[in-house]
Amino acid sequence: MAEPKNDDFLEDVDAAEAEEYADVMAEDDDEAMELDELRAERDALRDKFMRALADAENARKRSEKDRREAEQYGGSRLARDLLPVYDNMSRALAAANEEQKEISAALLEGVELTLRELTHVFKKHGIEPITPKVGDPFDPQTHQAMFEAPVPGTKKGEIIQVSAEGFMLHDRLLRPAQVGVSSTPAS
């Protein structure tokens, strides 16, 4: 009589256990892969959130800077347009001789008061005049050379004539002072 093989039964049990172990491991691998995917997605969303937060902060800072600049320099076009008015009033006062001053004293006083008030308004809004004097050195940052001429007794680069005052709006140049500059004197 043939004896039943117990080894076949054991092999079936071992195969079933191996198959069950492989299923459990596959499930664990699937869970681990899903967990890794979720972590990667979380990290990507965190990165997007931090970038959006940084963009919002940068936009806030940029808008604050733009607001400050608009507040300080927003009237620069109007100020530039008023500079010829200032120049003309100054020229009118400088052109009046003694006889005209006696005849038109009230008119000239009105022009002088208006010019003084305009100067006061300029200062109130941060507009400061640049008033170079004859003999001062030429500064290309605040002066505009209208002409250059050799003048005996001067050094090269000295201001020999002031045509018009310049103006600064806070720390920005609104208009350079217009000047004549000495070149090397002809010998």
Protein backbone atom coordinates (compact mmCIF):
# COMPACT_ATOMS: atom_id res chain seq x y z
CA MET A 1 0.00 0.00 0.00
CA ALA A 2 1.18 3.39 -0.79
CA GLU A 3 1.70 5.86 2.00
CA PRO A 4 0.14 9.29 1.64
CA LYS A 5 2.69 11.98 1.17
CA ASN A 6 2.60 14.47 4.01
CA ASP A 7 5.21 16.53 2.25
CA ASP A 8 2.74 17.62 -0.47
CA PHE A 9 0.43 18.93 2.21
CA LEU A 10 3.27 20.85 3.84
CA GLU A 11 4.34 22.23 0.50
CA ASP A 12 0.78 23.44 -0.11
CA VAL A 13 0.76 25.14 3.30
CA ASP A 14 4.15 26.74 2.63
CA ALA A 15 2.97 27.93 -0.78
CA ALA A 16 -0.23 29.33 0.74
CA GLU A 17 1.75 31.11 3.45
CA ALA A 18 4.19 32.51 0.85
CA GLU A 19 1.28 33.64 -1.28
CA GLU A 20 -0.43 35.28 1.69
CA TYR A 21 2.88 36.88 2.72
CA ALA A 22 3.34 38.20 -0.84
CA ASP A 23 -0.21 39.63 -0.78
CA VAL A 24 0.45 41.34 2.57
CA MET A 25 3.76 42.68 1.29
CA ALA A 26 2.10 43.93 -1.90
CA GLU A 27 -0.54 45.69 0.20
CA ASP A 28 2.23 47.17 2.38
CA ASP A 29 4.09 48.27 -0.75
CA ASP A 30 0.89 49.83 -2.12
CA GLU A 31 0.30 51.62 1.18
CA ALA A 32 3.93 52.75 1.31
CA MET A 33 3.73 54.02 -2.27
CA GLU A 34 0.46 55.80 -1.50
CA LEU A 35 2.02 57.29 1.64
CA ASP A 36 5.05 58.45 -0.37
CA GLU A 37 2.74 60.00 -2.97
CA LEU A 38 0.79 61.80 -0.25
CA ARG A 39 4.02 63.10 1.31
CA ALA A 40 5.24 64.35 -2.06
CA GLU A 41 1.89 66.04 -2.68
CA ARG A 42 2.00 67.58 0.82
CA ASP A 43 5.52 68.89 0.21
CA ALA A 44 4.49 70.32 -3.17
CA LEU A 45 1.47 72.05 -1.63
CA ARG A 46 3.59 73.39 1.23
CA ASP A 47 6.09 74.76 -1.29
CA LYS A 48 3.28 76.43 -3.28
CA PHE A 49 1.84 77.89 -0.08
CA MET A 50 5.21 79.31 1.01
CA ARG A 51 5.79 80.80 -2.45
CA ALA A 52 2.31 82.36 -2.46
CA LEU A 53 2.95 83.76 1.02
CA ALA A 54 6.29 85.23 -0.13
CA ASP A 55 4.64 86.70 -3.25
CA ALA A 56 1.94 88.30 -1.11
CA GLU A 57 4.55 89.82 1.21
CA ASN A 58 6.56 91.13 -1.76
CA ALA A 59 3.41 92.62 -3.31
CA ARG A 60 2.60 94.32 0.00
CA LYS A 61 6.11 95.80 0.25
CA ARG A 62 6.05 96.89 -3.40
CA SER A 63 2.67 98.59 -3.03
CA GLU A 64 3.84 100.35 0.16
CA LYS A 65 6.93 101.61 -1.69
CA ASP A 66 4.81 102.73 -4.66
CA ARG A 67 2.43 104.52 -2.30
CA ARG A 68 5.29 106.36 -0.57
CA GLU A 69 6.83 107.35 -3.90
CA ALA A 70 3.47 108.55 -5.23
CA GLU A 71 3.03 110.60 -2.07
CA GLN A 72 6.51 112.14 -2.31
CA TYR A 73 6.95 112.49 -6.05
CA GLY A 74 3.37 112.48 -7.37
CA GLY A 75 3.33 116.24 -7.86
CA SER A 76 6.60 116.41 -9.76
CA ARG A 77 4.88 117.13 -13.10
CA LEU A 78 2.93 120.00 -11.56
CA ALA A 79 6.06 121.29 -9.86
CA ARG A 80 7.99 121.17 -13.16
CA ASP A 81 5.18 123.13 -14.80
CA LEU A 82 5.35 125.79 -12.07
CA LEU A 83 9.11 126.35 -12.38
CA PRO A 84 8.79 128.69 -15.42
CA VAL A 85 6.30 130.76 -13.41
CA TYR A 86 8.91 131.07 -10.65
CA ASP A 87 11.59 131.97 -13.22
CA ASN A 88 9.43 134.63 -14.88
CA MET A 89 8.49 136.27 -11.58
CA SER A 90 12.16 136.32 -10.53
CA ARG A 91 13.17 137.86 -13.87
CA ALA A 92 10.39 140.47 -13.58
CA LEU A 93 11.68 141.56 -10.18
CA ALA A 94 15.31 141.59 -11.35
CA ALA A 95 14.47 143.58 -14.52
CA ALA A 96 12.79 146.47 -12.71
CA ASN A 97 15.06 149.50 -12.43
CA GLU A 98 14.83 152.17 -9.71
CA GLU A 99 12.48 154.40 -11.69
CA GLN A 100 10.10 151.52 -12.39
CA LYS A 101 10.25 150.47 -8.73
CA GLU A 102 9.09 153.95 -7.70
CA ILE A 103 6.30 154.13 -10.28
CA SER A 104 5.02 150.56 -9.90
CA ALA A 105 5.87 149.93 -6.26
CA ALA A 106 2.53 148.27 -5.45
CA LEU A 107 2.69 146.01 -8.52
CA LEU A 108 6.26 144.93 -7.81
CA GLU A 109 5.38 144.35 -4.16
CA GLY A 110 2.52 142.08 -5.31
CA VAL A 111 4.86 140.13 -7.59
CA GLU A 112 7.39 139.85 -4.75
CA LEU A 113 4.74 138.57 -2.31
CA THR A 114 3.44 136.09 -4.87
CA LEU A 115 6.98 134.83 -5.50
CA ARG A 116 7.56 134.52 -1.75
CA GLU A 117 4.31 132.54 -1.36
CA LEU A 118 5.27 130.27 -4.29
CA THR A 119 8.65 129.66 -2.64
CA HIS A 120 6.89 128.85 0.64
CA VAL A 121 4.59 126.35 -1.11
CA PHE A 122 7.62 124.77 -2.81
CA LYS A 123 9.36 124.29 0.55
CA LYS A 124 6.18 122.91 2.11
CA HIS A 125 6.10 120.19 -0.56
CA GLY A 126 9.81 119.34 -0.42
CA ILE A 127 10.98 121.43 -3.37
CA GLU A 128 14.30 123.12 -2.60
CA PRO A 129 16.10 125.55 -4.91
CA ILE A 130 19.63 124.89 -6.14
CA THR A 131 21.28 128.30 -6.19
CA PRO A 132 24.87 128.13 -7.39
CA LYS A 133 27.04 131.23 -7.12
CA VAL A 134 29.58 132.58 -9.58
CA GLY A 135 32.92 131.00 -8.72
CA ASP A 136 31.45 127.75 -7.38
CA PRO A 137 32.75 124.54 -8.95
CA PHE A 138 30.56 122.96 -11.63
CA ASP A 139 28.68 119.87 -10.36
CA PRO A 140 27.24 117.74 -13.17
CA GLN A 141 24.81 116.13 -10.69
CA THR A 142 22.97 119.41 -10.04
CA HIS A 143 24.12 121.80 -12.78
CA GLN A 144 23.59 121.90 -16.53
CA ALA A 145 26.29 123.65 -18.54
CA MET A 146 24.58 125.96 -21.03
CA PHE A 147 27.87 127.21 -22.47
CA GLU A 148 31.60 127.10 -21.86
CA ALA A 149 33.86 130.11 -22.31
CA PRO A 150 37.46 130.99 -21.48
CA VAL A 151 37.43 133.73 -18.85
CA PRO A 152 40.74 135.14 -17.55
CA GLY A 153 41.16 134.89 -13.79
CA THR A 154 39.05 131.75 -13.45
CA LYS A 155 39.85 128.09 -13.19
CA LYS A 156 38.52 125.46 -15.56
CA GLY A 157 35.17 124.16 -14.30
CA GLU A 158 34.17 127.25 -12.32
CA ILE A 159 30.72 128.72 -12.76
CA ILE A 160 30.94 132.09 -14.51
CA GLN A 161 27.20 132.81 -14.94
CA VAL A 162 23.92 131.48 -13.54
CA SER A 163 21.09 131.49 -16.10
CA ALA A 164 18.42 129.78 -14.01
CA GLU A 165 18.13 128.19 -10.59
CA GLY A 166 17.69 124.46 -10.30
CA PHE A 167 15.33 122.56 -8.02
CA MET A 168 15.34 119.32 -6.04
CA LEU A 169 12.18 117.43 -5.08
CA HIS A 170 13.19 115.68 -1.85
CA ASP A 171 16.21 113.68 -3.04
CA ARG A 172 15.47 113.80 -6.79
CA LEU A 173 16.61 116.42 -9.25
CA LEU A 174 13.58 118.26 -10.61
CA ARG A 175 15.56 120.62 -12.80
CA PRO A 176 19.32 121.28 -12.90
CA ALA A 177 20.62 124.79 -12.40
CA GLN A 178 21.52 126.26 -15.78
CA VAL A 179 25.00 127.76 -15.69
CA GLY A 180 27.88 128.98 -17.82
CA VAL A 181 31.20 127.29 -17.12
CA SER A 182 34.76 128.50 -17.53
CA SER A 183 37.03 126.58 -19.84
CA THR A 184 40.79 126.82 -19.67
CA PRO A 185 41.61 130.52 -20.14
CA ALA A 186 43.08 131.36 -23.53
CA SER A 187 46.68 132.46 -23.28
